[in-house]
Every structure is written in structure tokens, then in C-alpha cells.
PDB file of N, CA and C in Angstrom:
ATOM      1  N   MET A   1      58.308 -41.265  21.580  1.00  0.00           N
ATOM      2  CA  MET A   1      57.470 -40.795  20.501  1.00  0.00           C
ATOM      3  C   MET A   1      55.999 -41.153  20.773  1.00  0.00           C
ATOM      4  N   LEU A   2      55.767 -42.363  21.252  1.00  0.00           N
ATOM      5  CA  LEU A   2      54.395 -42.773  21.549  1.00  0.00           C
ATOM      6  C   LEU A   2      53.790 -41.921  22.661  1.00  0.00           C
ATOM      7  N   LYS A   3      54.607 -41.559  23.645  1.00  0.00           N
ATOM      8  CA  LYS A   3      54.127 -40.709  24.732  1.00  0.00           C
ATOM      9  C   LYS A   3      53.728 -39.340  24.193  1.00  0.00           C
ATOM     10  N   LEU A   4      54.522 -38.807  23.294  1.00  0.00           N
ATOM     11  CA  LEU A   4      54.198 -37.505  22.708  1.00  0.00           C
ATOM     12  C   LEU A   4      52.891 -37.578  21.924  1.00  0.00           C
ATOM     13  N   ASP A   5      52.694 -38.678  21.195  1.00  0.00           N
ATOM     14  CA  ASP A   5      51.443 -38.849  20.455  1.00  0.00           C
ATOM     15  C   ASP A   5      50.253 -38.910  21.412  1.00  0.00           C
ATOM     16  N   ALA A   6      50.410 -39.647  22.510  1.00  0.00           N
ATOM     17  CA  ALA A   6      49.333 -39.755  23.493  1.00  0.00           C
ATOM     18  C   ALA A   6      49.054 -38.408  24.146  1.00  0.00           C
ATOM     19  N   ASP A   7      50.117 -37.678  24.471  1.00  0.00           N
ATOM     20  CA  ASP A   7      49.946 -36.348  25.068  1.00  0.00           C
ATOM     21  C   ASP A   7      49.241 -35.402  24.101  1.00  0.00           C
ATOM     22  N   GLU A   8      49.594 -35.496  22.830  1.00  0.00           N
ATOM     23  CA  GLU A   8      48.969 -34.643  21.822  1.00  0.00           C
ATOM     24  C   GLU A   8      47.474 -34.970  21.713  1.00  0.00           C
ATOM     25  N   LYS A   9      47.136 -36.241  21.692  1.00  0.00           N
ATOM     26  CA  LYS A   9      45.734 -36.647  21.619  1.00  0.00           C
ATOM     27  C   LYS A   9      44.960 -36.122  22.834  1.00  0.00           C
ATOM     28  N   LYS A  10      45.570 -36.231  24.006  1.00  0.00           N
ATOM     29  CA  LYS A  10      44.934 -35.764  25.232  1.00  0.00           C
ATOM     30  C   LYS A  10      44.665 -34.253  25.170  1.00  0.00           C
ATOM     31  N   LEU A  11      45.644 -33.496  24.681  1.00  0.00           N
ATOM     32  CA  LEU A  11      45.466 -32.044  24.569  1.00  0.00           C
ATOM     33  C   LEU A  11      44.358 -31.696  23.580  1.00  0.00           C
ATOM     34  N   HIS A  12      44.277 -32.436  22.483  1.00  0.00           N
ATOM     35  CA  HIS A  12      43.194 -32.190  21.515  1.00  0.00           C
ATOM     36  C   HIS A  12      41.841 -32.434  22.175  1.00  0.00           C
ATOM     37  N   GLU A  13      41.741 -33.490  22.958  1.00  0.00           N
ATOM     38  CA  GLU A  13      40.489 -33.788  23.656  1.00  0.00           C
ATOM     39  C   GLU A  13      40.150 -32.680  24.657  1.00  0.00           C
ATOM     40  N   GLN A  14      41.160 -32.208  25.379  1.00  0.00           N
ATOM     41  CA  GLN A  14      40.940 -31.135  26.348  1.00  0.00           C
ATOM     42  C   GLN A  14      40.521 -29.844  25.648  1.00  0.00           C
ATOM     43  N   LEU A  15      41.125 -29.572  24.497  1.00  0.00           N
ATOM     44  CA  LEU A  15      40.747 -28.379  23.729  1.00  0.00           C
ATOM     45  C   LEU A  15      39.288 -28.458  23.291  1.00  0.00           C
ATOM     46  N   ALA A  16      38.871 -29.616  22.837  1.00  0.00           N
ATOM     47  CA  ALA A  16      37.483 -29.780  22.412  1.00  0.00           C
ATOM     48  C   ALA A  16      36.535 -29.556  23.586  1.00  0.00           C
ATOM     49  N   ALA A  17      36.919 -30.051  24.752  1.00  0.00           N
ATOM     50  CA  ALA A  17      36.074 -29.898  25.935  1.00  0.00           C
ATOM     51  C   ALA A  17      36.031 -28.450  26.419  1.00  0.00           C
ATOM     52  N   ALA A  18      37.093 -27.691  26.158  1.00  0.00           N
ATOM     53  CA  ALA A  18      37.183 -26.312  26.647  1.00  0.00           C
ATOM     54  C   ALA A  18      36.851 -25.289  25.554  1.00  0.00           C
ATOM     55  N   ALA A  19      36.156 -25.719  24.539  1.00  0.00           N
ATOM     56  CA  ALA A  19      35.896 -24.852  23.380  1.00  0.00           C
ATOM     57  C   ALA A  19      35.181 -23.554  23.749  1.00  0.00           C
ATOM     58  N   THR A  20      34.380 -23.571  24.790  1.00  0.00           N
ATOM     59  CA  THR A  20      33.646 -22.359  25.158  1.00  0.00           C
ATOM     60  C   THR A  20      34.380 -21.510  26.188  1.00  0.00           C
ATOM     61  N   ASP A  21      35.497 -22.002  26.697  1.00  0.00           N
ATOM     62  CA  ASP A  21      36.298 -21.272  27.691  1.00  0.00           C
ATOM     63  C   ASP A  21      37.550 -20.748  26.988  1.00  0.00           C
ATOM     64  N   TYR A  22      37.474 -19.502  26.528  1.00  0.00           N
ATOM     65  CA  TYR A  22      38.558 -18.938  25.708  1.00  0.00           C
ATOM     66  C   TYR A  22      39.903 -18.995  26.404  1.00  0.00           C
ATOM     67  N   ALA A  23      39.969 -18.633  27.667  1.00  0.00           N
ATOM     68  CA  ALA A  23      41.249 -18.601  28.388  1.00  0.00           C
ATOM     69  C   ALA A  23      41.847 -19.999  28.488  1.00  0.00           C
ATOM     70  N   LYS A  24      41.025 -20.966  28.831  1.00  0.00           N
ATOM     71  CA  LYS A  24      41.505 -22.348  28.946  1.00  0.00           C
ATOM     72  C   LYS A  24      41.920 -22.883  27.585  1.00  0.00           C
ATOM     73  N   ALA A  25      41.151 -22.585  26.564  1.00  0.00           N
ATOM     74  CA  ALA A  25      41.476 -23.036  25.213  1.00  0.00           C
ATOM     75  C   ALA A  25      42.798 -22.423  24.740  1.00  0.00           C
ATOM     76  N   ALA A  26      43.021 -21.163  25.057  1.00  0.00           N
ATOM     77  CA  ALA A  26      44.271 -20.507  24.673  1.00  0.00           C
ATOM     78  C   ALA A  26      45.454 -21.143  25.392  1.00  0.00           C
ATOM     79  N   GLU A  27      45.281 -21.457  26.670  1.00  0.00           N
ATOM     80  CA  GLU A  27      46.341 -22.113  27.448  1.00  0.00           C
ATOM     81  C   GLU A  27      46.653 -23.501  26.872  1.00  0.00           C
ATOM     82  N   LEU A  28      45.616 -24.258  26.574  1.00  0.00           N
ATOM     83  CA  LEU A  28      45.808 -25.596  26.015  1.00  0.00           C
ATOM     84  C   LEU A  28      46.433 -25.521  24.624  1.00  0.00           C
ATOM     85  N   ASP A  29      46.045 -24.523  23.839  1.00  0.00           N
ATOM     86  CA  ASP A  29      46.623 -24.354  22.504  1.00  0.00           C
ATOM     87  C   ASP A  29      48.115 -24.068  22.588  1.00  0.00           C
ATOM     88  N   ALA A  30      48.516 -23.257  23.550  1.00  0.00           N
ATOM     89  CA  ALA A  30      49.942 -22.966  23.739  1.00  0.00           C
ATOM     90  C   ALA A  30      50.701 -24.232  24.107  1.00  0.00           C
ATOM     91  N   LYS A  31      50.120 -25.036  24.989  1.00  0.00           N
ATOM     92  CA  LYS A  31      50.749 -26.307  25.368  1.00  0.00           C
ATOM     93  C   LYS A  31      50.845 -27.244  24.169  1.00  0.00           C
ATOM     94  N   LEU A  32      49.804 -27.260  23.355  1.00  0.00           N
ATOM     95  CA  LEU A  32      49.792 -28.109  22.172  1.00  0.00           C
ATOM     96  C   LEU A  32      50.886 -27.695  21.197  1.00  0.00           C
ATOM     97  N   LYS A  33      51.058 -26.404  21.002  1.00  0.00           N
ATOM     98  CA  LYS A  33      52.102 -25.914  20.097  1.00  0.00           C
ATOM     99  C   LYS A  33      53.494 -26.286  20.611  1.00  0.00           C
ATOM    100  N   GLU A  34      53.697 -26.195  21.929  1.00  0.00           N
ATOM    101  CA  GLU A  34      54.977 -26.595  22.524  1.00  0.00           C
ATOM    102  C   GLU A  34      55.216 -28.082  22.304  1.00  0.00           C
ATOM    103  N   LEU A  35      54.197 -28.880  22.516  1.00  0.00           N
ATOM    104  CA  LEU A  35      54.306 -30.315  22.346  1.00  0.00           C
ATOM    105  C   LEU A  35      54.610 -30.673  20.900  1.00  0.00           C
ATOM    106  N   GLN A  36      53.950 -30.007  19.966  1.00  0.00           N
ATOM    107  CA  GLN A  36      54.187 -30.278  18.556  1.00  0.00           C
ATOM    108  C   GLN A  36      55.607 -29.893  18.148  1.00  0.00           C
ATOM    109  N   ALA A  37      56.135 -28.821  18.723  1.00  0.00           N
ATOM    110  CA  ALA A  37      57.519 -28.432  18.442  1.00  0.00           C
ATOM    111  C   ALA A  37      58.472 -29.483  18.986  1.00  0.00           C
ATOM    112  N   GLU A  38      58.201 -29.975  20.194  1.00  0.00           N
ATOM    113  CA  GLU A  38      59.043 -31.018  20.779  1.00  0.00           C
ATOM    114  C   GLU A  38      58.972 -32.290  19.936  1.00  0.00           C
ATOM    115  N   LYS A  39      57.798 -32.623  19.476  1.00  0.00           N
ATOM    116  CA  LYS A  39      57.611 -33.811  18.648  1.00  0.00           C
ATOM    117  C   LYS A  39      58.409 -33.692  17.348  1.00  0.00           C
ATOM    118  N   THR A  40      58.395 -32.519  16.752  1.00  0.00           N
ATOM    119  CA  THR A  40      59.164 -32.282  15.524  1.00  0.00           C
ATOM    120  C   THR A  40      60.656 -32.465  15.782  1.00  0.00           C
ATOM    121  N   GLU A  41      61.144 -31.940  16.899  1.00  0.00           N
ATOM    122  CA  GLU A  41      62.557 -32.093  17.259  1.00  0.00           C
ATOM    123  C   GLU A  41      62.926 -33.563  17.431  1.00  0.00           C
ATOM    124  N   VAL A  42      62.076 -34.308  18.099  1.00  0.00           N
ATOM    125  CA  VAL A  42      62.336 -35.731  18.322  1.00  0.00           C
ATOM    126  C   VAL A  42      62.338 -36.481  16.990  1.00  0.00           C
ATOM    127  N   GLU A  43      61.392 -36.172  16.124  1.00  0.00           N
ATOM    128  CA  GLU A  43      61.339 -36.822  14.818  1.00  0.00           C
ATOM    129  C   GLU A  43      62.586 -36.513  14.001  1.00  0.00           C
ATOM    130  N   GLU A  44      63.034 -35.266  14.019  1.00  0.00           N
ATOM    131  CA  GLU A  44      64.234 -34.894  13.278  1.00  0.00           C
ATOM    132  C   GLU A  44      65.467 -35.585  13.838  1.00  0.00           C
ATOM    133  N   ALA A  45      65.559 -35.684  15.163  1.00  0.00           N
ATOM    134  CA  ALA A  45      66.691 -36.380  15.780  1.00  0.00           C
ATOM    135  C   ALA A  45      66.669 -37.856  15.416  1.00  0.00           C
ATOM    136  N   TRP A  46      65.488 -38.446  15.392  1.00  0.00           N
ATOM    137  CA  TRP A  46      65.358 -39.850  15.031  1.00  0.00           C
ATOM    138  C   TRP A  46      65.796 -40.070  13.583  1.00  0.00           C
ATOM    139  N   LEU A  47      65.367 -39.188  12.688  1.00  0.00           N
ATOM    140  CA  LEU A  47      65.755 -39.303  11.276  1.00  0.00           C
ATOM    141  C   LEU A  47      67.265 -39.150  11.098  1.00  0.00           C
ATOM    142  N   THR A  48      67.849 -38.207  11.815  1.00  0.00           N
ATOM    143  CA  THR A  48      69.295 -37.997  11.748  1.00  0.00           C
ATOM    144  C   THR A  48      70.031 -39.245  12.242  1.00  0.00           C
ATOM    145  N   ALA A  49      69.589 -39.781  13.367  1.00  0.00           N
ATOM    146  CA  ALA A  49      70.214 -40.986  13.920  1.00  0.00           C
ATOM    147  C   ALA A  49      70.070 -42.163  12.948  1.00  0.00           C
ATOM    148  N   SER A  50      68.915 -42.253  12.324  1.00  0.00           N
ATOM    149  CA  SER A  50      68.678 -43.333  11.359  1.00  0.00           C
ATOM    150  C   SER A  50      69.602 -43.208  10.161  1.00  0.00           C
ATOM    151  N   GLU A  51      69.787 -41.989   9.665  1.00  0.00           N
ATOM    152  CA  GLU A  51      70.682 -41.771   8.531  1.00  0.00           C
ATOM    153  C   GLU A  51      72.126 -42.095   8.894  1.00  0.00           C
ATOM    154  N   LEU A  52      72.551 -41.707  10.099  1.00  0.00           N
ATOM    155  CA  LEU A  52      73.909 -42.002  10.554  1.00  0.00           C
ATOM    156  C   LEU A  52      74.122 -43.515  10.706  1.00  0.00           C
ATOM    157  N   ALA A  53      73.106 -44.209  11.172  1.00  0.00           N
ATOM    158  CA  ALA A  53      73.220 -45.656  11.374  1.00  0.00           C
ATOM    159  C   ALA A  53      73.307 -46.380  10.028  1.00  0.00           C
ATOM    160  N   ASP A  54      72.660 -45.835   9.019  1.00  0.00           N
ATOM    161  CA  ASP A  54      72.695 -46.443   7.694  1.00  0.00           C
ATOM    162  C   ASP A  54      74.024 -46.186   6.986  1.00  0.00           C
ATOM    163  N   GLY A  55      74.753 -45.229   7.462  1.00  0.00           N
ATOM    164  CA  GLY A  55      76.069 -44.948   6.927  1.00  0.00           C
ATOM    165  C   GLY A  55      76.031 -43.896   5.904  1.00  0.00           C
TER     166      GLY A  55
END
């Protein structure tokens, strides 16, 4: 989870740096959306595991 947060922060920084390069910004935005979807999946799996562990 921490790695995903760090990767997300890095992509945001790269997007800010590429603000004037539309193609690069679009590519980074697509990567960011993929990362956010993966992060959501991991969070949901963690919540499910936590609920199962609690009984």
C-alpha cells in the first residue's frame, strides 16, 4: 500500500512537470488512473481480509 501511495505521488509530480506536453500528460494520466484502480482493489481486499479476521 505504501508503494502504491509513493507511486501515485510520483505520477502526480510527473504530471505537474509535463503540464505543457499534452501527449506526455495524457500518458501519465492513463498510468495514474491504472494505479488508482489497483490501489482501490488492494484497499478493498485489505478491508475484506480485515472483516474475515474479525469474524
